[in-house]
Amino acid sequence: MTSGNDRAERLRPVQHWFLDLDGTTYLGGEPLPGALPLIEHFRRSGTGFTFLTNNSSRSSREYAVKLSRMGFPVTSENVFTSGQATAGYLARTHPEASVYLLGTPAFAAELGAAGISVVEDRPDFVVLGFDPDLDFARLTRACSFLREGSRYLASHPDANCPVAGGYIPDAGSVMALIEASTGRRPEEVVGKPNRRFIEEAAAAAGVDLSRCAMVGDRLETDVEMALTVGIPGVLVLSGATRADDARLGRSPWREEVEVVSGLDGLLESLEVRG
């Protein structure tokens, strides 16, 4: 079994940190304890950082604006979305492909910036993202394309998106609806916990993934992705996962994951080790 000291040692050489947003960095539009000081610590020490989000409805620029309004000294280069990862994956593997998109204009712009054609008829791929304004006509059309043989990708698997007062259906819920109607599941779901997401993010940041670590509030997405690519995973208890979660007592979580109260706890740990 890996000891706490061994896990701590794995964090010493980390040169670039990937951090989840909602439940890890902020909650309800407010920075969580330790979030702003941690980013300042990274800036002072010359440590790289990128915020990762499965939410494909907004662009990295829009997220940077949101974070800046909370006081985070960031630019769009410090944010990477599942929409960007999906666009990058398509551009690398199917650069000539055309796409029918169930997603927002921001996601369409990400695809266009990567050289991917977004079309309304005879697409090579149907691409599913998170779109709170998705209408039934577009959903019906996407199902028709899938029945006719178009290939199928999704930006992320999240079933629900947290909003003020609760949740709204996210891409994973629409994915289930499409499967019930067509029998089709995506060939690839690019966002967390898929390793493609963090590999695309590391490539975009120009960093060696082996010198990175991932921080998040979900074992099944953030931490699982880190363990899949063999980098340290740090779980914060400020969001979706609580200290009494039974999974924390099981392997591999018990052996490989460092658990802290929140980003304030991670900052304290890094300052002690530094």
Foldseek 3Di string as FASTA:
>chain_A
DADPVNLLVLQVLFQEEEEEPDLAQDHPLEGDPQNQVVLVVCVVVVGHYAYEYAALQAALQVVQVSVVVNPHPDHSLRYDYLLLLVLVVCCVPPLAFEEAEPYHPRSVVSNVVSNHHYDDDDGLEYEYFWDPPGDPVSLVSNLVNVLVPRAYEYSAQDQWDDDVPGTDGTRNVSQVVSCVVRVDHHPYHQAFPHLSRVVSSCVSNVHDLQSYEYEDADCRGGVNSCVVVPGAYEHECRGDDHPPPPCCVDPPNVNGYHYAPGSNRVVVSVVVVD
